[in-house]
Amino acid sequence: MKELVETLAKALVDNPDMVTVDMIENEKSCTIELRVAPDDMGKVIGKQGRIARAIRTVVKAAATKERKKVTVEII
């Protein structure tokens, strides 16, 4: 999952070196923290949050195979 979010984010931003992804796991849930450069924040969020919503949807679809609840936070 971490690699999936990292790949998606690096494809969207101008500074792919500034993308960092941290994963905090519990027994049944997982939180993925995505950090990008301040200039690229709008590109990751998108107009009205559409890109951020799409990233979360893709990650949730991948998480159903592992039967975990996953949340993506863009910091």
C-alpha atoms as a PDB file:
ATOM      1  CA  MET A   1       0.000   0.000   0.000  1.00  0.00           C
ATOM      2  CA  LYS A   2       2.791   2.375   0.879  1.00  0.00           C
ATOM      3  CA  GLU A   3       4.399   1.855  -2.509  1.00  0.00           C
ATOM      4  CA  LEU A   4       1.079   2.406  -4.261  1.00  0.00           C
ATOM      5  CA  VAL A   5       0.525   5.798  -2.634  1.00  0.00           C
ATOM      6  CA  GLU A   6       4.142   6.780  -3.233  1.00  0.00           C
ATOM      7  CA  THR A   7       3.953   5.889  -6.924  1.00  0.00           C
ATOM      8  CA  LEU A   8       0.700   7.786  -7.424  1.00  0.00           C
ATOM      9  CA  ALA A   9       1.964  10.876  -5.618  1.00  0.00           C
ATOM     10  CA  LYS A  10       5.310  10.968  -7.427  1.00  0.00           C
ATOM     11  CA  ALA A  11       3.500  10.863 -10.768  1.00  0.00           C
ATOM     12  CA  LEU A  12       1.438  13.936  -9.840  1.00  0.00           C
ATOM     13  CA  VAL A  13       3.983  16.339  -8.346  1.00  0.00           C
ATOM     14  CA  ASP A  14       6.791  18.488  -9.754  1.00  0.00           C
ATOM     15  CA  ASN A  15       9.223  17.573  -6.941  1.00  0.00           C
ATOM     16  CA  PRO A  16       9.081  13.767  -6.612  1.00  0.00           C
ATOM     17  CA  ASP A  17      12.113  13.799  -4.303  1.00  0.00           C
ATOM     18  CA  MET A  18      10.085  15.632  -1.639  1.00  0.00           C
ATOM     19  CA  VAL A  19       7.398  12.915  -1.466  1.00  0.00           C
ATOM     20  CA  THR A  20       7.487  10.845   1.721  1.00  0.00           C
ATOM     21  CA  VAL A  21       5.004   8.207   2.802  1.00  0.00           C
ATOM     22  CA  ASP A  22       4.745   6.894   6.356  1.00  0.00           C
ATOM     23  CA  MET A  23       2.601   3.944   7.346  1.00  0.00           C
ATOM     24  CA  ILE A  24       1.205   3.484  10.857  1.00  0.00           C
ATOM     25  CA  GLU A  25      -0.306   0.031  11.333  1.00  0.00           C
ATOM     26  CA  ASN A  26      -2.663  -1.347  13.956  1.00  0.00           C
ATOM     27  CA  GLU A  27      -4.262  -4.784  14.086  1.00  0.00           C
ATOM     28  CA  LYS A  28      -7.209  -4.018  11.816  1.00  0.00           C
ATOM     29  CA  SER A  29      -6.530  -0.518  10.568  1.00  0.00           C
ATOM     30  CA  CYS A  30      -3.757   1.401   8.903  1.00  0.00           C
ATOM     31  CA  THR A  31      -3.012   5.098   8.446  1.00  0.00           C
ATOM     32  CA  ILE A  32      -0.915   6.274   5.535  1.00  0.00           C
ATOM     33  CA  GLU A  33       0.568   9.755   5.863  1.00  0.00           C
ATOM     34  CA  LEU A  34       1.516  11.421   2.590  1.00  0.00           C
ATOM     35  CA  ARG A  35       3.834  14.434   2.735  1.00  0.00           C
ATOM     36  CA  VAL A  36       4.650  16.555  -0.309  1.00  0.00           C
ATOM     37  CA  ALA A  37       6.335  19.892  -0.931  1.00  0.00           C
ATOM     38  CA  PRO A  38       4.112  22.902  -0.118  1.00  0.00           C
ATOM     39  CA  ASP A  39       4.092  23.933  -3.791  1.00  0.00           C
ATOM     40  CA  ASP A  40       2.744  20.514  -4.822  1.00  0.00           C
ATOM     41  CA  MET A  41      -0.037  20.320  -2.229  1.00  0.00           C
ATOM     42  CA  GLY A  42      -2.662  21.609  -4.662  1.00  0.00           C
ATOM     43  CA  LYS A  43      -1.688  19.060  -7.282  1.00  0.00           C
ATOM     44  CA  VAL A  44      -2.151  16.172  -4.881  1.00  0.00           C
ATOM     45  CA  ILE A  45      -5.465  17.465  -3.539  1.00  0.00           C
ATOM     46  CA  GLY A  46      -6.880  18.617  -6.879  1.00  0.00           C
ATOM     47  CA  LYS A  47      -9.903  20.778  -7.589  1.00  0.00           C
ATOM     48  CA  GLN A  48     -12.490  20.286  -4.849  1.00  0.00           C
ATOM     49  CA  GLY A  49     -10.426  17.349  -3.538  1.00  0.00           C
ATOM     50  CA  ARG A  50     -11.086  15.107  -6.508  1.00  0.00           C
ATOM     51  CA  ILE A  51      -7.549  13.727  -6.839  1.00  0.00           C
ATOM     52  CA  ALA A  52      -7.253  13.128  -3.088  1.00  0.00           C
ATOM     53  CA  ARG A  53     -10.600  11.313  -3.156  1.00  0.00           C
ATOM     54  CA  ALA A  54      -9.426   9.199  -6.093  1.00  0.00           C
ATOM     55  CA  ILE A  55      -6.203   8.244  -4.284  1.00  0.00           C
ATOM     56  CA  ARG A  56      -8.208   7.233  -1.213  1.00  0.00           C
ATOM     57  CA  THR A  57     -10.589   5.172  -3.344  1.00  0.00           C
ATOM     58  CA  VAL A  58      -7.760   3.257  -5.020  1.00  0.00           C
ATOM     59  CA  VAL A  59      -6.082   2.563  -1.674  1.00  0.00           C
ATOM     60  CA  LYS A  60      -9.349   1.373  -0.097  1.00  0.00           C
ATOM     61  CA  ALA A  61      -9.919  -0.967  -3.034  1.00  0.00           C
ATOM     62  CA  ALA A  62      -6.444  -2.433  -2.562  1.00  0.00           C
ATOM     63  CA  ALA A  63      -7.023  -2.722   1.203  1.00  0.00           C
ATOM     64  CA  THR A  64     -10.116  -4.884   0.816  1.00  0.00           C
ATOM     65  CA  LYS A  65      -7.899  -7.782  -0.200  1.00  0.00           C
ATOM     66  CA  GLU A  66      -6.126  -7.567   3.143  1.00  0.00           C
ATOM     67  CA  ARG A  67      -9.355  -6.910   5.044  1.00  0.00           C
ATOM     68  CA  LYS A  68      -7.998  -3.786   6.683  1.00  0.00           C
ATOM     69  CA  LYS A  69      -9.396  -0.302   7.064  1.00  0.00           C
ATOM     70  CA  VAL A  70      -7.021   2.203   5.510  1.00  0.00           C
ATOM     71  CA  THR A  71      -7.078   5.975   5.778  1.00  0.00           C
ATOM     72  CA  VAL A  72      -4.893   8.315   3.764  1.00  0.00           C
ATOM     73  CA  GLU A  73      -3.897  11.635   5.298  1.00  0.00           C
ATOM     74  CA  ILE A  74      -2.263  14.310   3.169  1.00  0.00           C
ATOM     75  CA  ILE A  75      -0.005  16.423   5.335  1.00  0.00           C
END
